[in-house]
Amino acid sequence: MFGIGTQELIVILIIALIVVGPRKLPEIGRALGRGLREIKKATDEIKNHVSIEIENIEVDELSRLVKDTDEVTTHHKGTKTQKVDKLNS
């Protein structure tokens, strides 16, 4: 997870046990777990929002391209009609 091996984790737990004491260690562990859970939840929400925004941008861009294509096609058809009318005159 953080590049911490088993030996390092054991050393950290022993130091925490000595500094905090056996009574407070479970409380601190639970609080740390809750904090990490909240961070993960917030990160997931941000990822979801970013994904939705990216999809919206892509849809807007595709809609703009379709509109531009329709305008070019309509202009091209109008030019052809004018040329045919001139030839028929």
N, C-alpha and C. Protein backbone atom coordinates (compact mmCIF):
# COMPACT_ATOMS: atom_id res chain seq x y z
N MET A 1 0.83 -1.19 0.00
CA MET A 1 0.00 0.00 0.00
C MET A 1 0.87 1.25 0.00
N PHE A 2 1.73 1.40 1.00
CA PHE A 2 2.60 2.57 1.06
C PHE A 2 4.06 2.18 0.89
N GLY A 3 4.32 0.96 0.44
CA GLY A 3 5.68 0.48 0.30
C GLY A 3 6.28 0.08 1.63
N ILE A 4 5.41 -0.26 2.61
CA ILE A 4 5.88 -0.65 3.93
C ILE A 4 5.83 -2.17 4.02
N GLY A 5 6.95 -2.75 4.40
CA GLY A 5 7.01 -4.20 4.55
C GLY A 5 6.51 -4.63 5.92
N THR A 6 6.50 -5.94 6.13
CA THR A 6 6.01 -6.50 7.40
C THR A 6 6.86 -6.05 8.58
N GLN A 7 8.16 -6.06 8.42
CA GLN A 7 9.05 -5.67 9.52
C GLN A 7 8.84 -4.20 9.89
N GLU A 8 8.71 -3.35 8.90
CA GLU A 8 8.50 -1.93 9.19
C GLU A 8 7.17 -1.70 9.90
N LEU A 9 6.16 -2.43 9.47
CA LEU A 9 4.84 -2.31 10.09
C LEU A 9 4.87 -2.75 11.55
N ILE A 10 5.58 -3.81 11.84
CA ILE A 10 5.70 -4.28 13.23
C ILE A 10 6.42 -3.24 14.08
N VAL A 11 7.48 -2.64 13.56
CA VAL A 11 8.21 -1.61 14.30
C VAL A 11 7.30 -0.42 14.57
N ILE A 12 6.52 0.01 13.57
CA ILE A 12 5.61 1.15 13.75
C ILE A 12 4.57 0.83 14.81
N LEU A 13 4.00 -0.39 14.78
CA LEU A 13 3.00 -0.78 15.78
C LEU A 13 3.59 -0.82 17.20
N ILE A 14 4.81 -1.31 17.33
CA ILE A 14 5.46 -1.35 18.65
C ILE A 14 5.69 0.06 19.17
N ILE A 15 6.17 0.96 18.30
CA ILE A 15 6.40 2.35 18.72
C ILE A 15 5.07 3.00 19.10
N ALA A 16 4.03 2.75 18.31
CA ALA A 16 2.72 3.32 18.62
C ALA A 16 2.20 2.78 19.95
N LEU A 17 2.41 1.51 20.22
CA LEU A 17 1.98 0.90 21.49
C LEU A 17 2.71 1.52 22.66
N ILE A 18 4.00 1.79 22.50
CA ILE A 18 4.78 2.39 23.58
C ILE A 18 4.36 3.84 23.80
N VAL A 19 4.19 4.61 22.71
CA VAL A 19 3.88 6.03 22.82
C VAL A 19 2.45 6.25 23.30
N VAL A 20 1.51 5.55 22.72
CA VAL A 20 0.09 5.81 23.00
C VAL A 20 -0.42 4.96 24.16
N GLY A 21 0.03 3.75 24.25
CA GLY A 21 -0.45 2.87 25.31
C GLY A 21 -1.49 1.90 24.77
N PRO A 22 -1.66 0.78 25.47
CA PRO A 22 -2.56 -0.26 24.98
C PRO A 22 -4.05 0.13 25.03
N ARG A 23 -4.42 1.06 25.90
CA ARG A 23 -5.83 1.44 26.01
C ARG A 23 -6.27 2.36 24.87
N LYS A 24 -5.41 3.26 24.46
CA LYS A 24 -5.77 4.24 23.43
C LYS A 24 -5.52 3.72 22.00
N LEU A 25 -4.69 2.71 21.85
CA LEU A 25 -4.33 2.23 20.53
C LEU A 25 -5.54 1.77 19.70
N PRO A 26 -6.48 1.00 20.24
CA PRO A 26 -7.66 0.62 19.45
C PRO A 26 -8.50 1.82 19.01
N GLU A 27 -8.64 2.81 19.88
CA GLU A 27 -9.40 4.02 19.53
C GLU A 27 -8.72 4.76 18.37
N ILE A 28 -7.41 4.88 18.47
CA ILE A 28 -6.66 5.57 17.41
C ILE A 28 -6.76 4.78 16.10
N GLY A 29 -6.69 3.47 16.19
CA GLY A 29 -6.82 2.62 14.99
C GLY A 29 -8.19 2.80 14.33
N ARG A 30 -9.24 2.83 15.13
CA ARG A 30 -10.59 3.04 14.58
C ARG A 30 -10.71 4.42 13.94
N ALA A 31 -10.18 5.43 14.63
CA ALA A 31 -10.25 6.79 14.08
C ALA A 31 -9.47 6.88 12.76
N LEU A 32 -8.32 6.25 12.72
CA LEU A 32 -7.52 6.24 11.50
C LEU A 32 -8.27 5.52 10.37
N GLY A 33 -8.90 4.40 10.70
CA GLY A 33 -9.69 3.66 9.72
C GLY A 33 -10.84 4.49 9.18
N ARG A 34 -11.55 5.19 10.07
CA ARG A 34 -12.65 6.05 9.64
C ARG A 34 -12.15 7.17 8.73
N GLY A 35 -11.02 7.75 9.11
CA GLY A 35 -10.44 8.82 8.31
C GLY A 35 -10.06 8.35 6.91
N LEU A 36 -9.42 7.20 6.84
CA LEU A 36 -9.05 6.65 5.54
C LEU A 36 -10.28 6.31 4.70
N ARG A 37 -11.33 5.81 5.35
CA ARG A 37 -12.58 5.50 4.64
C ARG A 37 -13.20 6.76 4.06
N GLU A 38 -13.19 7.85 4.83
CA GLU A 38 -13.74 9.13 4.35
C GLU A 38 -12.93 9.68 3.17
N ILE A 39 -11.61 9.53 3.27
CA ILE A 39 -10.75 9.99 2.17
C ILE A 39 -11.04 9.19 0.91
N LYS A 40 -11.20 7.87 1.04
CA LYS A 40 -11.50 7.02 -0.11
C LYS A 40 -12.85 7.39 -0.70
N LYS A 41 -13.83 7.65 0.15
CA LYS A 41 -15.17 8.02 -0.32
C LYS A 41 -15.11 9.35 -1.08
N ALA A 42 -14.39 10.32 -0.54
CA ALA A 42 -14.27 11.63 -1.20
C ALA A 42 -13.54 11.49 -2.53
N THR A 43 -12.51 10.67 -2.57
CA THR A 43 -11.77 10.44 -3.81
C THR A 43 -12.65 9.80 -4.87
N ASP A 44 -13.46 8.82 -4.47
CA ASP A 44 -14.38 8.17 -5.41
C ASP A 44 -15.41 9.16 -5.95
N GLU A 45 -15.92 10.03 -5.09
CA GLU A 45 -16.88 11.04 -5.54
C GLU A 45 -16.24 11.99 -6.56
N ILE A 46 -15.02 12.40 -6.29
CA ILE A 46 -14.32 13.29 -7.23
C ILE A 46 -14.10 12.60 -8.57
N LYS A 47 -13.70 11.32 -8.53
CA LYS A 47 -13.52 10.56 -9.77
C LYS A 47 -14.81 10.49 -10.56
N ASN A 48 -15.93 10.24 -9.87
CA ASN A 48 -17.23 10.17 -10.55
C ASN A 48 -17.59 11.50 -11.18
N HIS A 49 -17.39 12.59 -10.45
CA HIS A 49 -17.71 13.92 -10.99
C HIS A 49 -16.85 14.24 -12.21
N VAL A 50 -15.57 13.91 -12.14
CA VAL A 50 -14.67 14.17 -13.27
C VAL A 50 -15.10 13.35 -14.48
N SER A 51 -15.46 12.08 -14.28
CA SER A 51 -15.91 11.24 -15.38
C SER A 51 -17.16 11.80 -16.03
N ILE A 52 -18.10 12.26 -15.22
CA ILE A 52 -19.34 12.84 -15.75
C ILE A 52 -19.04 14.10 -16.55
N GLU A 53 -18.17 14.95 -16.04
CA GLU A 53 -17.82 16.17 -16.75
C GLU A 53 -17.12 15.88 -18.07
N ILE A 54 -16.25 14.89 -18.08
CA ILE A 54 -15.57 14.51 -19.32
C ILE A 54 -16.59 14.03 -20.34
N GLU A 55 -17.54 13.20 -19.91
CA GLU A 55 -18.59 12.73 -20.82
C GLU A 55 -19.40 13.89 -21.36
N ASN A 56 -19.75 14.85 -20.50
CA ASN A 56 -20.51 16.02 -20.94
C ASN A 56 -19.74 16.82 -21.98
N ILE A 57 -18.46 17.00 -21.75
CA ILE A 57 -17.62 17.74 -22.70
C ILE A 57 -17.58 17.01 -24.04
N GLU A 58 -17.42 15.68 -23.99
CA GLU A 58 -17.37 14.90 -25.23
C GLU A 58 -18.69 15.00 -25.99
N VAL A 59 -19.82 14.94 -25.28
CA VAL A 59 -21.12 15.04 -25.92
C VAL A 59 -21.29 16.43 -26.55
N ASP A 60 -20.91 17.46 -25.82
CA ASP A 60 -21.00 18.82 -26.36
C ASP A 60 -20.15 18.97 -27.62
N GLU A 61 -18.95 18.41 -27.58
CA GLU A 61 -18.05 18.50 -28.72
C GLU A 61 -18.62 17.76 -29.93
N LEU A 62 -19.18 16.57 -29.70
CA LEU A 62 -19.79 15.82 -30.80
C LEU A 62 -21.00 16.55 -31.36
N SER A 63 -21.80 17.15 -30.49
CA SER A 63 -22.96 17.91 -30.95
C SER A 63 -22.53 19.08 -31.82
N ARG A 64 -21.47 19.75 -31.40
CA ARG A 64 -20.95 20.88 -32.18
C ARG A 64 -20.46 20.41 -33.54
N LEU A 65 -19.77 19.27 -33.58
CA LEU A 65 -19.27 18.75 -34.85
C LEU A 65 -20.42 18.37 -35.78
N VAL A 66 -21.48 17.76 -35.23
CA VAL A 66 -22.63 17.40 -36.04
C VAL A 66 -23.30 18.67 -36.59
N LYS A 67 -23.43 19.68 -35.77
CA LYS A 67 -24.03 20.94 -36.20
C LYS A 67 -23.19 21.57 -37.32
N ASP A 68 -21.87 21.60 -37.13
CA ASP A 68 -20.99 22.16 -38.15
C ASP A 68 -21.10 21.37 -39.46
N THR A 69 -21.18 20.06 -39.36
CA THR A 69 -21.31 19.22 -40.54
C THR A 69 -22.63 19.49 -41.25
N ASP A 70 -23.71 19.64 -40.48
CA ASP A 70 -25.01 19.96 -41.07
C ASP A 70 -24.97 21.30 -41.79
N GLU A 71 -24.32 22.29 -41.19
CA GLU A 71 -24.22 23.60 -41.82
C GLU A 71 -23.43 23.54 -43.12
N VAL A 72 -22.34 22.80 -43.14
CA VAL A 72 -21.53 22.67 -44.35
C VAL A 72 -22.34 21.95 -45.42
N THR A 73 -23.04 20.89 -45.05
CA THR A 73 -23.85 20.13 -46.00
C THR A 73 -24.95 21.00 -46.57
N THR A 74 -25.65 21.76 -45.73
CA THR A 74 -26.71 22.64 -46.18
C THR A 74 -26.17 23.70 -47.13
N HIS A 75 -25.04 24.29 -46.79
CA HIS A 75 -24.41 25.31 -47.64
C HIS A 75 -24.03 24.71 -48.99
N HIS A 76 -23.47 23.50 -48.97
CA HIS A 76 -23.04 22.83 -50.19
C HIS A 76 -24.25 22.53 -51.09
N LYS A 77 -25.35 22.05 -50.51
CA LYS A 77 -26.56 21.77 -51.28
C LYS A 77 -27.11 23.05 -51.90
N GLY A 78 -27.08 24.14 -51.14
CA GLY A 78 -27.58 25.42 -51.65
C GLY A 78 -26.75 25.90 -52.83
N THR A 79 -25.46 25.72 -52.78
CA THR A 79 -24.56 26.13 -53.87
C THR A 79 -24.85 25.30 -55.12
N LYS A 80 -25.07 24.00 -54.94
CA LYS A 80 -25.38 23.14 -56.09
C LYS A 80 -26.69 23.58 -56.75
N THR A 81 -27.70 23.90 -55.95
CA THR A 81 -29.00 24.32 -56.47
C THR A 81 -28.84 25.61 -57.27
N GLN A 82 -28.04 26.54 -56.79
CA GLN A 82 -27.82 27.79 -57.51
C GLN A 82 -27.15 27.54 -58.86
N LYS A 83 -26.18 26.64 -58.90
CA LYS A 83 -25.48 26.33 -60.14
C LYS A 83 -26.44 25.67 -61.14
N VAL A 84 -27.27 24.76 -60.68
CA VAL A 84 -28.24 24.09 -61.55
C VAL A 84 -29.24 25.10 -62.09
N ASP A 85 -29.70 26.03 -61.22
CA ASP A 85 -30.64 27.07 -61.68
C ASP A 85 -30.01 27.94 -62.75
N LYS A 86 -28.72 28.28 -62.59
CA LYS A 86 -28.03 29.10 -63.59
C LYS A 86 -27.92 28.35 -64.92
N LEU A 87 -27.63 27.05 -64.85
CA LEU A 87 -27.51 26.24 -66.06
C LEU A 87 -28.86 26.12 -66.78
N ASN A 88 -29.93 26.01 -66.04
CA ASN A 88 -31.27 25.88 -66.62
C ASN A 88 -31.77 27.20 -67.21
N SER A 89 -31.20 28.29 -66.78
CA SER A 89 -31.69 29.61 -67.27
C SER A 89 -31.24 29.90 -68.66
